Amino acid sequence: MLDAARILAEEAPKHSLDSVRDDRILFFGLAKLIEIIGEAAYKLTKEFQAVHNELPWDAIIGMRHVMVHDYYTMSAGKIWATIESDIPAMIPVLEKYLEQFDSEN
Protein backbone atom coordinates (compact mmCIF):
# COMPACT_ATOMS: atom_id res chain seq x y z
CA MET A 1 0.00 0.00 0.00
CA LEU A 2 2.70 2.40 1.00
CA ASP A 3 4.76 1.82 -2.14
CA ALA A 4 1.78 2.41 -4.43
CA ALA A 5 0.76 5.53 -2.45
CA ARG A 6 4.28 6.93 -2.66
CA ILE A 7 4.41 6.36 -6.42
CA LEU A 8 1.10 8.19 -6.82
CA ALA A 9 2.35 11.07 -4.68
CA GLU A 10 5.60 11.28 -6.66
CA GLU A 11 3.85 11.19 -10.03
CA ALA A 12 1.07 13.67 -9.25
CA PRO A 13 3.17 16.84 -9.68
CA LYS A 14 4.17 15.68 -13.16
CA HIS A 15 0.56 15.53 -14.36
CA SER A 16 -2.81 17.27 -14.23
CA LEU A 17 -6.45 16.30 -14.40
CA ASP A 18 -6.39 17.15 -18.10
CA SER A 19 -3.44 14.83 -18.74
CA VAL A 20 -5.25 12.01 -16.92
CA ARG A 21 -8.33 12.65 -19.09
CA ASP A 22 -6.32 12.79 -22.31
CA ASP A 23 -3.87 9.91 -21.77
CA ARG A 24 -5.62 6.56 -21.38
CA ILE A 25 -2.39 4.77 -20.45
CA LEU A 26 -1.79 7.30 -17.68
CA PHE A 27 -5.42 6.97 -16.58
CA PHE A 28 -5.22 3.19 -16.29
CA GLY A 29 -1.75 3.26 -14.73
CA LEU A 30 -2.89 5.56 -11.96
CA ALA A 31 -6.09 3.56 -11.56
CA LYS A 32 -4.04 0.37 -11.17
CA LEU A 33 -1.98 1.90 -8.36
CA ILE A 34 -5.18 2.91 -6.55
CA GLU A 35 -6.51 -0.61 -7.12
CA ILE A 36 -3.32 -2.07 -5.60
CA ILE A 37 -3.85 0.02 -2.47
CA GLY A 38 -7.42 -1.23 -2.23
CA GLU A 39 -6.44 -4.84 -2.83
CA ALA A 40 -3.84 -4.69 -0.08
CA ALA A 41 -6.42 -3.16 2.28
CA TYR A 42 -8.89 -5.88 1.31
CA LYS A 43 -6.36 -8.52 2.40
CA LEU A 44 -5.96 -7.03 5.88
CA THR A 45 -7.87 -8.71 8.67
CA LYS A 46 -10.90 -7.04 10.19
CA GLU A 47 -9.02 -7.12 13.51
CA PHE A 48 -6.13 -5.13 12.03
CA GLN A 49 -8.55 -2.63 10.53
CA ALA A 50 -10.38 -2.24 13.85
CA VAL A 51 -7.18 -1.57 15.78
CA HIS A 52 -5.68 0.63 13.06
CA ASN A 53 -8.73 2.74 12.41
CA GLU A 54 -7.15 5.98 11.23
CA LEU A 55 -7.81 5.10 7.60
CA PRO A 56 -11.27 4.70 6.03
CA TRP A 57 -10.85 1.01 5.22
CA ASP A 58 -14.38 0.55 3.90
CA ALA A 59 -13.96 3.44 1.47
CA ILE A 60 -10.54 2.20 0.33
CA ILE A 61 -11.85 -1.31 -0.22
CA GLY A 62 -15.01 0.04 -1.84
CA MET A 63 -12.93 1.94 -4.37
CA ARG A 64 -10.98 -1.25 -5.05
CA HIS A 65 -14.23 -3.04 -5.84
CA VAL A 66 -15.18 -0.30 -8.30
CA MET A 67 -11.73 -0.42 -9.92
CA VAL A 68 -11.89 -4.20 -10.35
CA HIS A 69 -15.56 -4.80 -11.16
CA ASP A 70 -16.95 -1.49 -12.42
CA TYR A 71 -13.81 0.12 -13.84
CA TYR A 72 -15.80 1.51 -16.78
CA THR A 73 -17.62 3.83 -14.34
CA MET A 74 -14.41 5.36 -12.97
CA SER A 75 -13.73 8.90 -14.12
CA ALA A 76 -10.48 10.79 -14.47
CA GLY A 77 -11.91 13.31 -12.00
CA LYS A 78 -12.43 10.68 -9.33
CA ILE A 79 -8.95 9.25 -9.84
CA TRP A 80 -7.38 12.70 -9.73
CA ALA A 81 -9.35 13.72 -6.63
CA THR A 82 -8.21 10.55 -4.87
CA ILE A 83 -4.59 11.22 -5.77
CA GLU A 84 -4.74 14.86 -4.69
CA SER A 85 -6.72 14.51 -1.46
CA ASP A 86 -6.68 10.98 -0.12
CA ILE A 87 -3.22 9.71 -0.99
CA PRO A 88 -1.15 12.47 0.71
CA ALA A 89 -3.08 11.98 3.96
CA MET A 90 -2.72 8.20 3.74
CA ILE A 91 1.07 8.10 3.46
CA PRO A 92 2.04 9.23 6.99
CA VAL A 93 -0.54 6.90 8.52
CA LEU A 94 0.81 3.94 6.54
CA GLU A 95 4.36 4.91 7.50
CA LYS A 96 3.34 4.91 11.16
CA TYR A 97 1.73 1.49 10.83
CA LEU A 98 4.85 0.12 9.16
CA GLU A 99 7.10 1.59 11.88
CA GLN A 100 4.90 -0.02 14.54
CA PHE A 101 5.07 -3.34 12.74
CA ASP A 102 8.86 -3.14 12.36
CA SER A 103 9.35 -2.29 16.04
CA GLU A 104 7.18 -5.24 17.11
CA ASN A 105 9.09 -7.74 14.96
PDB file of N, CA and C in Angstrom:
ATOM      1  N   MET A   1       0.828  -1.191   0.000  1.00  0.00           N
ATOM      2  CA  MET A   1       0.000   0.000   0.000  1.00  0.00           C
ATOM      3  C   MET A   1       0.870   1.253   0.000  1.00  0.00           C
ATOM      4  N   LEU A   2       1.852   1.222   0.861  1.00  0.00           N
ATOM      5  CA  LEU A   2       2.699   2.400   0.996  1.00  0.00           C
ATOM      6  C   LEU A   2       3.479   2.670  -0.288  1.00  0.00           C
ATOM      7  N   ASP A   3       4.014   1.627  -0.889  1.00  0.00           N
ATOM      8  CA  ASP A   3       4.763   1.819  -2.141  1.00  0.00           C
ATOM      9  C   ASP A   3       3.885   2.436  -3.224  1.00  0.00           C
ATOM     10  N   ALA A   4       2.685   1.900  -3.396  1.00  0.00           N
ATOM     11  CA  ALA A   4       1.779   2.415  -4.426  1.00  0.00           C
ATOM     12  C   ALA A   4       1.380   3.861  -4.110  1.00  0.00           C
ATOM     13  N   ALA A   5       1.130   4.157  -2.847  1.00  0.00           N
ATOM     14  CA  ALA A   5       0.764   5.525  -2.455  1.00  0.00           C
ATOM     15  C   ALA A   5       1.912   6.491  -2.708  1.00  0.00           C
ATOM     16  N   ARG A   6       3.112   6.065  -2.414  1.00  0.00           N
ATOM     17  CA  ARG A   6       4.279   6.931  -2.662  1.00  0.00           C
ATOM     18  C   ARG A   6       4.471   7.188  -4.153  1.00  0.00           C
ATOM     19  N   ILE A   7       4.288   6.170  -4.966  1.00  0.00           N
ATOM     20  CA  ILE A   7       4.412   6.357  -6.418  1.00  0.00           C
ATOM     21  C   ILE A   7       3.378   7.371  -6.899  1.00  0.00           C
ATOM     22  N   LEU A   8       2.141   7.233  -6.438  1.00  0.00           N
ATOM     23  CA  LEU A   8       1.101   8.186  -6.817  1.00  0.00           C
ATOM     24  C   LEU A   8       1.473   9.598  -6.387  1.00  0.00           C
ATOM     25  N   ALA A   9       1.976   9.747  -5.179  1.00  0.00           N
ATOM     26  CA  ALA A   9       2.350  11.071  -4.683  1.00  0.00           C
ATOM     27  C   ALA A   9       3.524  11.654  -5.475  1.00  0.00           C
ATOM     28  N   GLU A  10       4.454  10.815  -5.873  1.00  0.00           N
ATOM     29  CA  GLU A  10       5.604  11.275  -6.660  1.00  0.00           C
ATOM     30  C   GLU A  10       5.200  11.657  -8.079  1.00  0.00           C
ATOM     31  N   GLU A  11       4.256  10.952  -8.643  1.00  0.00           N
ATOM     32  CA  GLU A  11       3.849  11.189 -10.027  1.00  0.00           C
ATOM     33  C   GLU A  11       2.880  12.357 -10.173  1.00  0.00           C
ATOM     34  N   ALA A  12       2.109  12.637  -9.157  1.00  0.00           N
ATOM     35  CA  ALA A  12       1.073  13.668  -9.253  1.00  0.00           C
ATOM     36  C   ALA A  12       1.592  15.023  -9.735  1.00  0.00           C
ATOM     37  N   PRO A  13       2.712  15.513  -9.215  1.00  0.00           N
ATOM     38  CA  PRO A  13       3.171  16.839  -9.676  1.00  0.00           C
ATOM     39  C   PRO A  13       3.560  16.879 -11.158  1.00  0.00           C
ATOM     40  N   LYS A  14       3.777  15.740 -11.750  1.00  0.00           N
ATOM     41  CA  LYS A  14       4.166  15.684 -13.165  1.00  0.00           C
ATOM     42  C   LYS A  14       2.962  15.747 -14.103  1.00  0.00           C
ATOM     43  N   HIS A  15       1.759  15.661 -13.535  1.00  0.00           N
ATOM     44  CA  HIS A  15       0.561  15.530 -14.358  1.00  0.00           C
ATOM     45  C   HIS A  15      -0.527  16.485 -13.886  1.00  0.00           C
ATOM     46  N   SER A  16      -1.641  16.460 -14.581  1.00  0.00           N
ATOM     47  CA  SER A  16      -2.807  17.269 -14.227  1.00  0.00           C
ATOM     48  C   SER A  16      -4.057  16.447 -14.523  1.00  0.00           C
ATOM     49  N   LEU A  17      -5.180  16.953 -14.084  1.00  0.00           N
ATOM     50  CA  LEU A  17      -6.446  16.299 -14.400  1.00  0.00           C
ATOM     51  C   LEU A  17      -6.616  16.171 -15.907  1.00  0.00           C
ATOM     52  N   ASP A  18      -6.264  17.209 -16.648  1.00  0.00           N
ATOM     53  CA  ASP A  18      -6.387  17.148 -18.103  1.00  0.00           C
ATOM     54  C   ASP A  18      -5.518  16.054 -18.703  1.00  0.00           C
ATOM     55  N   SER A  19      -4.301  15.884 -18.187  1.00  0.00           N
ATOM     56  CA  SER A  19      -3.442  14.834 -18.742  1.00  0.00           C
ATOM     57  C   SER A  19      -3.992  13.445 -18.419  1.00  0.00           C
ATOM     58  N   VAL A  20      -4.624  13.293 -17.261  1.00  0.00           N
ATOM     59  CA  VAL A  20      -5.250  12.006 -16.919  1.00  0.00           C
ATOM     60  C   VAL A  20      -6.440  11.748 -17.846  1.00  0.00           C
ATOM     61  N   ARG A  21      -7.203  12.791 -18.158  1.00  0.00           N
ATOM     62  CA  ARG A  21      -8.332  12.655 -19.086  1.00  0.00           C
ATOM     63  C   ARG A  21      -7.866  12.305 -20.499  1.00  0.00           C
ATOM     64  N   ASP A  22      -6.764  12.916 -20.922  1.00  0.00           N
ATOM     65  CA  ASP A  22      -6.318  12.795 -22.312  1.00  0.00           C
ATOM     66  C   ASP A  22      -5.467  11.555 -22.593  1.00  0.00           C
ATOM     67  N   ASP A  23      -4.808  11.026 -21.579  1.00  0.00           N
ATOM     68  CA  ASP A  23      -3.874   9.914 -21.773  1.00  0.00           C
ATOM     69  C   ASP A  23      -4.435   8.657 -21.115  1.00  0.00           C
ATOM     70  N   ARG A  24      -4.975   7.761 -21.916  1.00  0.00           N
ATOM     71  CA  ARG A  24      -5.618   6.558 -21.377  1.00  0.00           C
ATOM     72  C   ARG A  24      -4.640   5.644 -20.656  1.00  0.00           C
ATOM     73  N   ILE A  25      -3.389   5.597 -21.132  1.00  0.00           N
ATOM     74  CA  ILE A  25      -2.391   4.773 -20.449  1.00  0.00           C
ATOM     75  C   ILE A  25      -2.114   5.354 -19.059  1.00  0.00           C
ATOM     76  N   LEU A  26      -1.978   6.654 -18.976  1.00  0.00           N
ATOM     77  CA  LEU A  26      -1.790   7.304 -17.682  1.00  0.00           C
ATOM     78  C   LEU A  26      -2.997   7.040 -16.788  1.00  0.00           C
ATOM     79  N   PHE A  27      -4.183   7.217 -17.328  1.00  0.00           N
ATOM     80  CA  PHE A  27      -5.425   6.970 -16.581  1.00  0.00           C
ATOM     81  C   PHE A  27      -5.419   5.572 -15.964  1.00  0.00           C
ATOM     82  N   PHE A  28      -5.169   4.559 -16.794  1.00  0.00           N
ATOM     83  CA  PHE A  28      -5.223   3.190 -16.294  1.00  0.00           C
ATOM     84  C   PHE A  28      -4.035   2.855 -15.402  1.00  0.00           C
ATOM     85  N   GLY A  29      -2.883   3.469 -15.620  1.00  0.00           N
ATOM     86  CA  GLY A  29      -1.746   3.255 -14.730  1.00  0.00           C
ATOM     87  C   GLY A  29      -2.010   3.789 -13.333  1.00  0.00           C
ATOM     88  N   LEU A  30      -2.549   4.984 -13.255  1.00  0.00           N
ATOM     89  CA  LEU A  30      -2.886   5.563 -11.957  1.00  0.00           C
ATOM     90  C   LEU A  30      -4.002   4.768 -11.292  1.00  0.00           C
ATOM     91  N   ALA A  31      -4.984   4.368 -12.085  1.00  0.00           N
ATOM     92  CA  ALA A  31      -6.090   3.559 -11.557  1.00  0.00           C
ATOM     93  C   ALA A  31      -5.567   2.243 -10.984  1.00  0.00           C
ATOM     94  N   LYS A  32      -4.603   1.635 -11.650  1.00  0.00           N
ATOM     95  CA  LYS A  32      -4.039   0.368 -11.171  1.00  0.00           C
ATOM     96  C   LYS A  32      -3.352   0.553  -9.823  1.00  0.00           C
ATOM     97  N   LEU A  33      -2.631   1.647  -9.644  1.00  0.00           N
ATOM     98  CA  LEU A  33      -1.985   1.895  -8.360  1.00  0.00           C
ATOM     99  C   LEU A  33      -3.017   2.080  -7.244  1.00  0.00           C
ATOM    100  N   ILE A  34      -4.108   2.767  -7.532  1.00  0.00           N
ATOM    101  CA  ILE A  34      -5.184   2.909  -6.547  1.00  0.00           C
ATOM    102  C   ILE A  34      -5.805   1.540  -6.259  1.00  0.00           C
ATOM    103  N   GLU A  35      -5.974   0.749  -7.294  1.00  0.00           N
ATOM    104  CA  GLU A  35      -6.506  -0.613  -7.124  1.00  0.00           C
ATOM    105  C   GLU A  35      -5.592  -1.449  -6.231  1.00  0.00           C
ATOM    106  N   ILE A  36      -4.281  -1.331  -6.412  1.00  0.00           N
ATOM    107  CA  ILE A  36      -3.318  -2.071  -5.598  1.00  0.00           C
ATOM    108  C   ILE A  36      -3.466  -1.698  -4.124  1.00  0.00           C
ATOM    109  N   ILE A  37      -3.641  -0.421  -3.852  1.00  0.00           N
ATOM    110  CA  ILE A  37      -3.850   0.016  -2.465  1.00  0.00           C
ATOM    111  C   ILE A  37      -5.106  -0.642  -1.901  1.00  0.00           C
ATOM    112  N   GLY A  38      -6.173  -0.622  -2.671  1.00  0.00           N
ATOM    113  CA  GLY A  38      -7.423  -1.231  -2.225  1.00  0.00           C
ATOM    114  C   GLY A  38      -7.324  -2.735  -2.052  1.00  0.00           C
ATOM    115  N   GLU A  39      -6.601  -3.386  -2.934  1.00  0.00           N
ATOM    116  CA  GLU A  39      -6.437  -4.843  -2.833  1.00  0.00           C
ATOM    117  C   GLU A  39      -5.659  -5.203  -1.573  1.00  0.00           C
ATOM    118  N   ALA A  40      -4.611  -4.437  -1.293  1.00  0.00           N
ATOM    119  CA  ALA A  40      -3.843  -4.692  -0.075  1.00  0.00           C
ATOM    120  C   ALA A  40      -4.704  -4.465   1.163  1.00  0.00           C
ATOM    121  N   ALA A  41      -5.515  -3.419   1.156  1.00  0.00           N
ATOM    122  CA  ALA A  41      -6.417  -3.161   2.282  1.00  0.00           C
ATOM    123  C   ALA A  41      -7.428  -4.290   2.435  1.00  0.00           C
ATOM    124  N   TYR A  42      -7.910  -4.791   1.316  1.00  0.00           N
ATOM    125  CA  TYR A  42      -8.888  -5.885   1.306  1.00  0.00           C
ATOM    126  C   TYR A  42      -8.322  -7.142   1.961  1.00  0.00           C
ATOM    127  N   LYS A  43      -7.018  -7.331   1.852  1.00  0.00           N
ATOM    128  CA  LYS A  43      -6.359  -8.518   2.404  1.00  0.00           C
ATOM    129  C   LYS A  43      -6.087  -8.403   3.903  1.00  0.00           C
ATOM    130  N   LEU A  44      -6.184  -7.198   4.451  1.00  0.00           N
ATOM    131  CA  LEU A  44      -5.959  -7.031   5.885  1.00  0.00           C
ATOM    132  C   LEU A  44      -7.117  -7.629   6.672  1.00  0.00           C
ATOM    133  N   THR A  45      -6.812  -8.130   7.838  1.00  0.00           N
ATOM    134  CA  THR A  45      -7.868  -8.711   8.666  1.00  0.00           C
ATOM    135  C   THR A  45      -8.763  -7.609   9.231  1.00  0.00           C
ATOM    136  N   LYS A  46      -9.969  -7.978   9.558  1.00  0.00           N
ATOM    137  CA  LYS A  46     -10.897  -7.035  10.195  1.00  0.00           C
ATOM    138  C   LYS A  46     -10.339  -6.581  11.545  1.00  0.00           C
ATOM    139  N   GLU A  47      -9.618  -7.466  12.221  1.00  0.00           N
ATOM    140  CA  GLU A  47      -9.018  -7.120  13.510  1.00  0.00           C
ATOM    141  C   GLU A  47      -7.964  -6.019  13.331  1.00  0.00           C
ATOM    142  N   PHE A  48      -7.131  -6.157  12.303  1.00  0.00           N
ATOM    143  CA  PHE A  48      -6.131  -5.128  12.031  1.00  0.00           C
ATOM    144  C   PHE A  48      -6.820  -3.805  11.738  1.00  0.00           C
ATOM    145  N   GLN A  49      -7.830  -3.854  10.890  1.00  0.00           N
ATOM    146  CA  GLN A  49      -8.548  -2.632  10.527  1.00  0.00           C
ATOM    147  C   GLN A  49      -9.183  -1.977  11.752  1.00  0.00           C
ATOM    148  N   ALA A  50      -9.725  -2.778  12.655  1.00  0.00           N
ATOM    149  CA  ALA A  50     -10.379  -2.236  13.846  1.00  0.00           C
ATOM    150  C   ALA A  50      -9.378  -1.548  14.774  1.00  0.00           C
ATOM    151  N   VAL A  51      -8.205  -2.139  14.913  1.00  0.00           N
ATOM    152  CA  VAL A  51      -7.178  -1.566  15.784  1.00  0.00           C
ATOM    153  C   VAL A  51      -6.511  -0.365  15.125  1.00  0.00           C
ATOM    154  N   HIS A  52      -6.340  -0.439  13.820  1.00  0.00           N
ATOM    155  CA  HIS A  52      -5.678   0.632  13.056  1.00  0.00           C
ATOM    156  C   HIS A  52      -6.746   1.387  12.262  1.00  0.00           C
ATOM    157  N   ASN A  53      -7.514   2.150  12.985  1.00  0.00           N
ATOM    158  CA  ASN A  53      -8.725   2.735  12.408  1.00  0.00           C
ATOM    159  C   ASN A  53      -8.569   4.188  11.940  1.00  0.00           C
ATOM    160  N   GLU A  54      -7.358   4.614  11.693  1.00  0.00           N
ATOM    161  CA  GLU A  54      -7.150   5.983  11.226  1.00  0.00           C
ATOM    162  C   GLU A  54      -7.414   6.138   9.732  1.00  0.00           C
ATOM    163  N   LEU A  55      -7.507   5.045   9.031  1.00  0.00           N
ATOM    164  CA  LEU A  55      -7.805   5.095   7.600  1.00  0.00           C
ATOM    165  C   LEU A  55      -9.224   4.592   7.353  1.00  0.00           C
ATOM    166  N   PRO A  56      -9.895   5.124   6.351  1.00  0.00           N
ATOM    167  CA  PRO A  56     -11.267   4.701   6.031  1.00  0.00           C
ATOM    168  C   PRO A  56     -11.258   3.401   5.211  1.00  0.00           C
ATOM    169  N   TRP A  57     -11.027   2.293   5.902  1.00  0.00           N
ATOM    170  CA  TRP A  57     -10.845   1.009   5.218  1.00  0.00           C
ATOM    171  C   TRP A  57     -12.000   0.674   4.298  1.00  0.00           C
ATOM    172  N   ASP A  58     -13.228   0.888   4.746  1.00  0.00           N
ATOM    173  CA  ASP A  58     -14.383   0.548   3.903  1.00  0.00           C
ATOM    174  C   ASP A  58     -14.374   1.341   2.603  1.00  0.00           C
ATOM    175  N   ALA A  59     -14.012   2.614   2.678  1.00  0.00           N
ATOM    176  CA  ALA A  59     -13.956   3.441   1.466  1.00  0.00           C
ATOM    177  C   ALA A  59     -12.822   2.991   0.548  1.00  0.00           C
ATOM    178  N   ILE A  60     -11.677   2.659   1.134  1.00  0.00           N
ATOM    179  CA  ILE A  60     -10.539   2.204   0.335  1.00  0.00           C
ATOM    180  C   ILE A  60     -10.887   0.894  -0.369  1.00  0.00           C
ATOM    181  N   ILE A  61     -11.472  -0.018   0.357  1.00  0.00           N
ATOM    182  CA  ILE A  61     -11.849  -1.309  -0.219  1.00  0.00           C
ATOM    183  C   ILE A  61     -12.991  -1.132  -1.215  1.00  0.00           C
ATOM    184  N   GLY A  62     -13.916  -0.233  -0.912  1.00  0.00           N
ATOM    185  CA  GLY A  62     -15.010   0.042  -1.843  1.00  0.00           C
ATOM    186  C   GLY A  62     -14.506   0.567  -3.174  1.00  0.00           C
ATOM    187  N   MET A  63     -13.501   1.438  -3.124  1.00  0.00           N
ATOM    188  CA  MET A  63     -12.928   1.939  -4.374  1.00  0.00           C
ATOM    189  C   MET A  63     -12.245   0.812  -5.131  1.00  0.00           C
ATOM    190  N   ARG A  64     -11.605  -0.089  -4.413  1.00  0.00           N
ATOM    191  CA  ARG A  64     -10.985  -1.251  -5.055  1.00  0.00           C
ATOM    192  C   ARG A  64     -12.036  -2.055  -5.810  1.00  0.00           C
ATOM    193  N   HIS A  65     -13.174  -2.266  -5.187  1.00  0.00           N
ATOM    194  CA  HIS A  65     -14.234  -3.035  -5.842  1.00  0.00           C
ATOM    195  C   HIS A  65     -14.688  -2.349  -7.130  1.00  0.00           C
ATOM    196  N   VAL A  66     -14.809  -1.039  -7.085  1.00  0.00           N
ATOM    197  CA  VAL A  66     -15.184  -0.303  -8.298  1.00  0.00           C
ATOM    198  C   VAL A  66     -14.099  -0.464  -9.358  1.00  0.00           C
ATOM    199  N   MET A  67     -12.843  -0.315  -8.958  1.00  0.00           N
ATOM    200  CA  MET A  67     -11.732  -0.420  -9.916  1.00  0.00           C
ATOM    201  C   MET A  67     -11.672  -1.795 -10.582  1.00  0.00           C
ATOM    202  N   VAL A  68     -11.983  -2.835  -9.821  1.00  0.00           N
ATOM    203  CA  VAL A  68     -11.892  -4.195 -10.352  1.00  0.00           C
ATOM    204  C   VAL A  68     -13.148  -4.591 -11.127  1.00  0.00           C
ATOM    205  N   HIS A  69     -14.320  -4.282 -10.587  1.00  0.00           N
ATOM    206  CA  HIS A  69     -15.559  -4.799 -11.159  1.00  0.00           C
ATOM    207  C   HIS A  69     -16.325  -3.791 -12.003  1.00  0.00           C
ATOM    208  N   ASP A  70     -16.195  -2.523 -11.704  1.00  0.00           N
ATOM    209  CA  ASP A  70     -16.946  -1.486 -12.421  1.00  0.00           C
ATOM    210  C   ASP A  70     -16.016  -0.410 -12.959  1.00  0.00           C
ATOM    211  N   TYR A  71     -14.850  -0.817 -13.390  1.00  0.00           N
ATOM    212  CA  TYR A  71     -13.809   0.122 -13.838  1.00  0.00           C
ATOM    213  C   TYR A  71     -14.314   1.081 -14.902  1.00  0.00           C
ATOM    214  N   TYR A  72     -15.265   0.670 -15.699  1.00  0.00           N
ATOM    215  CA  TYR A  72     -15.800   1.510 -16.777  1.00  0.00           C
ATOM    216  C   TYR A  72     -16.584   2.698 -16.239  1.00  0.00           C
ATOM    217  N   THR A  73     -16.904   2.696 -14.937  1.00  0.00           N
ATOM    218  CA  THR A  73     -17.616   3.829 -14.338  1.00  0.00           C
ATOM    219  C   THR A  73     -16.654   4.835 -13.697  1.00  0.00           C
ATOM    220  N   MET A  74     -15.384   4.496 -13.626  1.00  0.00           N
ATOM    221  CA  MET A  74     -14.410   5.361 -12.969  1.00  0.00           C
ATOM    222  C   MET A  74     -14.040   6.523 -13.882  1.00  0.00           C
ATOM    223  N   SER A  75     -14.055   7.708 -13.330  1.00  0.00           N
ATOM    224  CA  SER A  75     -13.733   8.900 -14.116  1.00  0.00           C
ATOM    225  C   SER A  75     -12.335   9.409 -13.779  1.00  0.00           C
ATOM    226  N   ALA A  76     -11.768  10.156 -14.708  1.00  0.00           N
ATOM    227  CA  ALA A  76     -10.478  10.795 -14.474  1.00  0.00           C
ATOM    228  C   ALA A  76     -10.579  11.729 -13.272  1.00  0.00           C
ATOM    229  N   GLY A  77     -11.712  12.405 -13.132  1.00  0.00           N
ATOM    230  CA  GLY A  77     -11.908  13.313 -12.003  1.00  0.00           C
ATOM    231  C   GLY A  77     -11.838  12.603 -10.668  1.00  0.00           C
ATOM    232  N   LYS A  78     -12.446  11.452 -10.576  1.00  0.00           N
ATOM    233  CA  LYS A  78     -12.429  10.682  -9.325  1.00  0.00           C
ATOM    234  C   LYS A  78     -11.014  10.184  -9.024  1.00  0.00           C
ATOM    235  N   ILE A  79     -10.327   9.710 -10.037  1.00  0.00           N
ATOM    236  CA  ILE A  79      -8.954   9.249  -9.839  1.00  0.00           C
ATOM    237  C   ILE A  79      -8.081  10.410  -9.382  1.00  0.00           C
ATOM    238  N   TRP A  80      -8.204  11.542 -10.067  1.00  0.00           N
ATOM    239  CA  TRP A  80      -7.375  12.700  -9.732  1.00  0.00           C
ATOM    240  C   TRP A  80      -7.697  13.223  -8.330  1.00  0.00           C
ATOM    241  N   ALA A  81      -8.962  13.263  -7.973  1.00  0.00           N
ATOM    242  CA  ALA A  81      -9.351  13.720  -6.631  1.00  0.00           C
ATOM    243  C   ALA A  81      -8.771  12.802  -5.559  1.00  0.00           C
ATOM    244  N   THR A  82      -8.790  11.518  -5.810  1.00  0.00           N
ATOM    245  CA  THR A  82      -8.211  10.549  -4.869  1.00  0.00           C
ATOM    246  C   THR A  82      -6.722  10.793  -4.702  1.00  0.00           C
ATOM    247  N   ILE A  83      -6.037  11.002  -5.816  1.00  0.00           N
ATOM    248  CA  ILE A  83      -4.592  11.223  -5.773  1.00  0.00           C
ATOM    249  C   ILE A  83      -4.260  12.531  -5.060  1.00  0.00           C
ATOM    250  N   GLU A  84      -5.029  13.554  -5.306  1.00  0.00           N
ATOM    251  CA  GLU A  84      -4.741  14.858  -4.694  1.00  0.00           C
ATOM    252  C   GLU A  84      -5.131  14.944  -3.225  1.00  0.00           C
ATOM    253  N   SER A  85      -6.255  14.325  -2.841  1.00  0.00           N
ATOM    254  CA  SER A  85      -6.723  14.505  -1.462  1.00  0.00           C
ATOM    255  C   SER A  85      -6.450  13.326  -0.557  1.00  0.00           C
ATOM    256  N   ASP A  86      -6.742  12.143  -1.010  1.00  0.00           N
ATOM    257  CA  ASP A  86      -6.676  10.982  -0.117  1.00  0.00           C
ATOM    258  C   ASP A  86      -5.267  10.416   0.043  1.00  0.00           C
ATOM    259  N   ILE A  87      -4.530  10.360  -1.034  1.00  0.00           N
ATOM    260  CA  ILE A  87      -3.218   9.713  -0.992  1.00  0.00           C
ATOM    261  C   ILE A  87      -2.237  10.459  -0.085  1.00  0.00           C
ATOM    262  N   PRO A  88      -2.104  11.790  -0.186  1.00  0.00           N
ATOM    263  CA  PRO A  88      -1.148  12.468   0.708  1.00  0.00           C
ATOM    264  C   PRO A  88      -1.446  12.251   2.196  1.00  0.00           C
ATOM    265  N   ALA A  89      -2.711  12.196   2.549  1.00  0.00           N
ATOM    266  CA  ALA A  89      -3.081  11.977   3.957  1.00  0.00           C
ATOM    267  C   ALA A  89      -2.832  10.536   4.383  1.00  0.00           C
ATOM    268  N   MET A  90      -2.887   9.623   3.449  1.00  0.00           N
ATOM    269  CA  MET A  90      -2.719   8.200   3.737  1.00  0.00           C
ATOM    270  C   MET A  90      -1.259   7.841   4.038  1.00  0.00           C
ATOM    271  N   ILE A  91      -0.335   8.489   3.372  1.00  0.00           N
ATOM    272  CA  ILE A  91       1.070   8.096   3.462  1.00  0.00           C
ATOM    273  C   ILE A  91       1.627   8.144   4.887  1.00  0.00           C
ATOM    274  N   PRO A  92       1.475   9.232   5.638  1.00  0.00           N
ATOM    275  CA  PRO A  92       2.042   9.231   6.994  1.00  0.00           C
ATOM    276  C   PRO A  92       1.397   8.195   7.914  1.00  0.00           C
ATOM    277  N   VAL A  93       0.137   7.912   7.704  1.00  0.00           N
ATOM    278  CA  VAL A  93      -0.537   6.898   8.524  1.00  0.00           C
ATOM    279  C   VAL A  93       0.047   5.522   8.207  1.00  0.00           C
ATOM    280  N   LEU A  94       0.213   5.217   6.927  1.00  0.00           N
ATOM    281  CA  LEU A  94       0.805   3.939   6.544  1.00  0.00           C
ATOM    282  C   LEU A  94       2.243   3.828   7.041  1.00  0.00           C
ATOM    283  N   GLU A  95       2.987   4.923   6.981  1.00  0.00           N
ATOM    284  CA  GLU A  95       4.363   4.910   7.498  1.00  0.00           C
ATOM    285  C   GLU A  95       4.380   4.593   8.988  1.00  0.00           C
ATOM    286  N   LYS A  96       3.445   5.175   9.723  1.00  0.00           N
ATOM    287  CA  LYS A  96       3.341   4.912  11.161  1.00  0.00           C
ATOM    288  C   LYS A  96       3.028   3.444  11.419  1.00  0.00           C
ATOM    289  N   TYR A  97       2.080   2.896  10.667  1.00  0.00           N
ATOM    290  CA  TYR A  97       1.733   1.485  10.834  1.00  0.00           C
ATOM    291  C   TYR A  97       2.933   0.594  10.545  1.00  0.00           C
ATOM    292  N   LEU A  98       3.682   0.920   9.521  1.00  0.00           N
ATOM    293  CA  LEU A  98       4.854   0.123   9.158  1.00  0.00           C
ATOM    294  C   LEU A  98       5.923   0.234  10.250  1.00  0.00           C
ATOM    295  N   GLU A  99       6.134   1.412  10.784  1.00  0.00           N
ATOM    296  CA  GLU A  99       7.101   1.590  11.878  1.00  0.00           C
ATOM    297  C   GLU A  99       6.691   0.770  13.085  1.00  0.00           C
ATOM    298  N   GLN A 100       5.389   0.775  13.414  1.00  0.00           N
ATOM    299  CA  GLN A 100       4.904  -0.022  14.543  1.00  0.00           C
ATOM    300  C   GLN A 100       5.141  -1.500  14.290  1.00  0.00           C
ATOM    301  N   PHE A 101       4.872  -1.934  13.091  1.00  0.00           N
ATOM    302  CA  PHE A 101       5.073  -3.341  12.737  1.00  0.00           C
ATOM    303  C   PHE A 101       6.547  -3.709  12.860  1.00  0.00           C
ATOM    304  N   ASP A 102       7.422  -2.859  12.319  1.00  0.00           N
ATOM    305  CA  ASP A 102       8.863  -3.140  12.358  1.00  0.00           C
ATOM    306  C   ASP A 102       9.382  -3.182  13.799  1.00  0.00           C
ATOM    307  N   SER A 103       8.870  -2.311  14.661  1.00  0.00           N
ATOM    308  CA  SER A 103       9.351  -2.289  16.039  1.00  0.00           C
ATOM    309  C   SER A 103       8.847  -3.492  16.844  1.00  0.00           C
ATOM    310  N   GLU A 104       7.733  -4.070  16.423  1.00  0.00           N
ATOM    311  CA  GLU A 104       7.179  -5.240  17.107  1.00  0.00           C
ATOM    312  C   GLU A 104       7.834  -6.542  16.651  1.00  0.00           C
ATOM    313  N   ASN A 105       8.506  -6.505  15.519  1.00  0.00           N
ATOM    314  CA  ASN A 105       9.088  -7.743  14.965  1.00  0.00           C
ATOM    315  C   ASN A 105      10.592  -7.693  14.912  1.00  0.00           C
TER     316      ASN A 105
END
